[in-house]
Protein backbone atom coordinates (compact mmCIF):
# COMPACT_ATOMS: atom_id res chain seq x y z
CA MET A 1 71.29 -15.92 23.87
CA GLU A 2 71.31 -14.48 20.37
CA PRO A 3 68.41 -12.18 19.19
CA THR A 4 66.21 -13.68 16.79
CA ILE A 5 65.95 -11.94 13.39
CA PHE A 6 62.70 -12.34 11.68
CA GLU A 7 63.18 -12.65 7.78
CA GLU A 8 59.92 -11.29 5.93
CA LYS A 9 58.50 -14.13 3.96
CA PRO A 10 57.93 -13.03 0.29
CA GLU A 11 54.09 -12.89 -0.67
CA GLN A 12 52.74 -15.87 -2.41
CA ALA A 13 51.30 -14.87 -5.68
CA PHE A 14 49.22 -16.66 -8.35
CA LEU A 15 48.94 -14.92 -11.75
CA VAL A 16 45.72 -14.80 -13.87
CA ALA A 17 45.59 -13.79 -17.53
CA LEU A 18 42.77 -13.53 -20.01
CA ASP A 19 43.53 -14.66 -23.62
CA THR A 20 41.22 -12.66 -25.89
CA GLY A 21 43.47 -13.15 -28.73
CA GLU A 22 44.45 -9.36 -28.86
CA TYR A 23 48.18 -10.23 -27.60
CA ASP A 24 50.73 -12.87 -26.75
CA VAL A 25 49.54 -14.14 -23.49
CA GLU A 26 52.61 -16.31 -22.88
CA ALA A 27 54.91 -13.34 -23.15
CA SER A 28 52.76 -11.12 -21.31
CA LEU A 29 52.41 -13.75 -18.31
CA ALA A 30 56.26 -14.05 -18.50
CA GLU A 31 56.75 -10.23 -18.14
CA LEU A 32 54.05 -10.15 -15.35
CA GLU A 33 56.05 -12.87 -13.51
CA GLU A 34 59.20 -10.82 -13.77
CA LEU A 35 57.20 -7.83 -12.38
CA ALA A 36 56.06 -9.86 -9.44
CA HIS A 37 59.56 -11.14 -8.57
CA THR A 38 60.71 -7.38 -8.82
CA ALA A 39 57.98 -6.51 -6.37
CA GLY A 40 59.08 -9.23 -3.93
CA ALA A 41 56.46 -11.94 -4.50
CA GLN A 42 57.10 -15.61 -5.19
CA VAL A 43 54.98 -16.72 -8.04
CA LEU A 44 53.36 -20.09 -7.21
CA GLY A 45 51.28 -20.69 -10.59
CA ALA A 46 49.36 -19.09 -13.34
CA LEU A 47 45.74 -19.63 -14.77
CA VAL A 48 44.71 -18.53 -18.28
CA GLN A 49 41.23 -18.19 -19.60
CA LYS A 50 40.41 -17.99 -23.07
CA ARG A 51 37.47 -15.58 -23.43
CA GLU A 52 36.27 -13.21 -26.18
CA SER A 53 35.93 -10.38 -23.47
CA PRO A 54 36.39 -10.00 -19.90
CA ASP A 55 33.33 -10.78 -17.73
CA LYS A 56 31.94 -7.40 -16.45
CA ALA A 57 31.38 -8.64 -12.78
CA THR A 58 34.58 -10.79 -12.15
CA CYS A 59 36.59 -10.66 -15.25
CA LEU A 60 36.54 -14.54 -15.30
CA GLY A 61 33.82 -17.06 -16.01
CA SER A 62 32.18 -18.61 -13.18
CA GLY A 63 33.82 -21.83 -13.74
CA ARG A 64 37.32 -20.43 -13.82
CA LEU A 65 36.57 -18.22 -10.86
CA GLU A 66 35.72 -21.38 -8.81
CA GLU A 67 38.87 -23.00 -10.01
CA LEU A 68 40.86 -19.93 -9.03
CA ILE A 69 39.32 -19.97 -5.48
CA GLN A 70 40.34 -23.49 -5.20
CA LEU A 71 43.90 -23.19 -6.44
CA CYS A 72 44.41 -20.28 -4.05
CA ARG A 73 43.28 -22.14 -0.96
CA ASN A 74 45.41 -25.29 -2.11
CA VAL A 75 48.62 -23.32 -2.82
CA GLU A 76 47.79 -20.90 0.16
CA ALA A 77 48.30 -17.86 -2.08
CA ASP A 78 48.48 -14.40 -0.32
CA LEU A 79 47.86 -12.54 -3.58
CA VAL A 80 46.18 -12.89 -6.91
CA ILE A 81 47.71 -10.65 -9.78
CA PHE A 82 45.68 -9.98 -12.84
CA ASP A 83 47.44 -9.39 -16.18
CA LEU A 84 44.97 -6.70 -17.02
CA GLU A 85 43.54 -3.58 -15.41
CA LEU A 86 40.47 -4.46 -13.50
CA THR A 87 37.51 -2.20 -13.05
CA ALA A 88 36.47 -0.94 -9.48
CA THR A 89 33.53 -3.57 -9.67
CA GLN A 90 35.60 -6.27 -10.99
CA HIS A 91 38.11 -5.73 -8.17
CA ARG A 92 35.46 -5.50 -5.45
CA ASN A 93 33.72 -8.63 -6.47
CA LEU A 94 36.93 -10.63 -6.78
CA GLU A 95 38.05 -9.53 -3.46
CA SER A 96 34.81 -10.68 -1.94
CA GLU A 97 35.10 -14.19 -3.62
CA LEU A 98 38.79 -14.88 -3.39
CA PRO A 99 40.62 -15.91 0.05
CA CYS A 100 43.47 -13.38 -0.62
CA ARG A 101 44.34 -9.96 -1.83
CA VAL A 102 43.73 -8.99 -5.52
CA VAL A 103 45.83 -6.63 -7.56
CA ASP A 104 45.99 -5.77 -11.31
CA ARG A 105 49.04 -5.06 -13.53
CA THR A 106 48.88 -1.23 -13.07
CA THR A 107 48.71 -1.52 -9.24
CA LEU A 108 51.55 -3.87 -9.36
CA ILE A 109 53.77 -1.46 -11.43
CA LEU A 110 52.93 1.53 -9.11
CA ASP A 111 53.94 -0.73 -6.25
CA ILE A 112 57.42 -1.25 -7.78
CA PHE A 113 57.81 2.35 -8.45
CA ALA A 114 56.86 3.05 -4.81
CA GLN A 115 59.46 0.58 -3.55
CA ARG A 116 62.15 2.10 -5.78
CA ALA A 117 61.50 5.91 -5.36
CA SER A 118 64.36 7.45 -3.18
CA SER A 119 64.24 11.14 -3.83
CA ALA A 120 61.35 13.24 -2.22
CA GLU A 121 60.38 14.29 -5.61
CA GLY A 122 60.20 10.62 -6.86
CA LYS A 123 58.18 9.61 -3.90
CA LEU A 124 55.74 12.59 -4.38
CA GLN A 125 55.40 11.58 -8.17
CA VAL A 126 54.56 7.97 -7.33
CA GLU A 127 52.17 9.00 -4.53
CA LEU A 128 50.32 11.28 -7.00
CA ALA A 129 50.10 8.54 -9.62
CA GLN A 130 48.85 6.11 -7.00
CA LEU A 131 46.07 8.69 -5.86
CA GLN A 132 45.15 9.35 -9.29
CA TYR A 133 44.61 5.79 -9.99
CA GLN A 134 42.79 5.14 -6.72
CA SER A 135 40.33 8.07 -7.11
CA SER A 136 39.09 6.51 -10.36
CA ARG A 137 38.25 3.30 -8.56
CA LEU A 138 36.55 4.46 -5.52
CA ILE A 139 33.05 2.85 -5.29
CA GLY A 140 30.51 3.35 -2.70
CA GLN A 141 28.04 1.08 -0.82
CA GLY A 142 25.12 3.46 -0.58
CA LEU A 143 23.82 4.49 2.94
CA VAL A 144 25.86 1.93 4.60
CA LEU A 145 28.96 4.32 4.37
CA SER A 146 27.00 7.52 5.29
CA ARG A 147 27.77 9.56 8.21
CA LEU A 148 24.88 11.12 9.94
CA ALA A 149 25.29 14.40 11.84
CA GLY A 150 23.07 15.01 14.76
CA GLY A 151 21.48 18.24 15.83
CA ILE A 152 18.75 20.76 14.45
CA GLY A 153 19.23 21.52 11.01
CA THR A 154 22.10 18.95 10.52
CA ARG A 155 20.00 15.93 9.93
CA GLY A 156 20.24 14.11 6.58
CA PRO A 157 22.40 11.76 4.77
CA GLY A 158 25.55 13.54 5.45
CA GLU A 159 28.84 12.92 3.80
CA SER A 160 29.19 9.35 2.70
CA LYS A 161 32.40 7.54 3.21
CA LEU A 162 32.82 7.52 -0.53
CA GLU A 163 32.72 11.28 -0.86
CA MET A 164 34.92 11.69 2.21
CA ASN A 165 37.55 9.39 0.43
CA ARG A 166 37.19 11.48 -2.79
CA ARG A 167 37.73 14.53 -1.02
CA HIS A 168 40.65 13.28 0.93
CA ILE A 169 42.29 12.13 -2.30
CA ARG A 170 41.49 15.46 -4.17
CA GLU A 171 43.08 17.43 -1.14
CA ARG A 172 46.15 15.25 -1.03
CA ILE A 173 46.63 15.44 -4.90
CA THR A 174 46.35 19.28 -4.69
CA ARG A 175 48.81 19.35 -1.94
């Protein structure tokens, strides 16, 4: 009996763009599709919303967000790629609403660099860029993420998970 070789299925991605009139959305989406292919994703489709500016909470309007949720479920998307840089709040809100992972253009580009880096120095430079990008997007959830220490003189809110993550990233960047 021959051993079975499992081929990794490419991630199924859906592209999202916001047309604010500042740039050519079609050209930008075509470039984003090429980036997605380079990263190893199969693009299932795209959604464009015309707005003056991104919604502060989710980037998209509520109607378009509902449409995106249904599209992702219908095509069984693993990933939604936004053609702009999402804020930490937008990213968190979108991940909680959508049935799949969410990345923005910058994260996608950093992922491609990480895949392509071959030298030790190149890998370190990519990791540094990823850590710097992540550090500006860390957000906490209040006391839910606090670690309480026990014992006399050590009671209190302790170090939050957010503070631990920031400290870990700062230490790794320093190294």
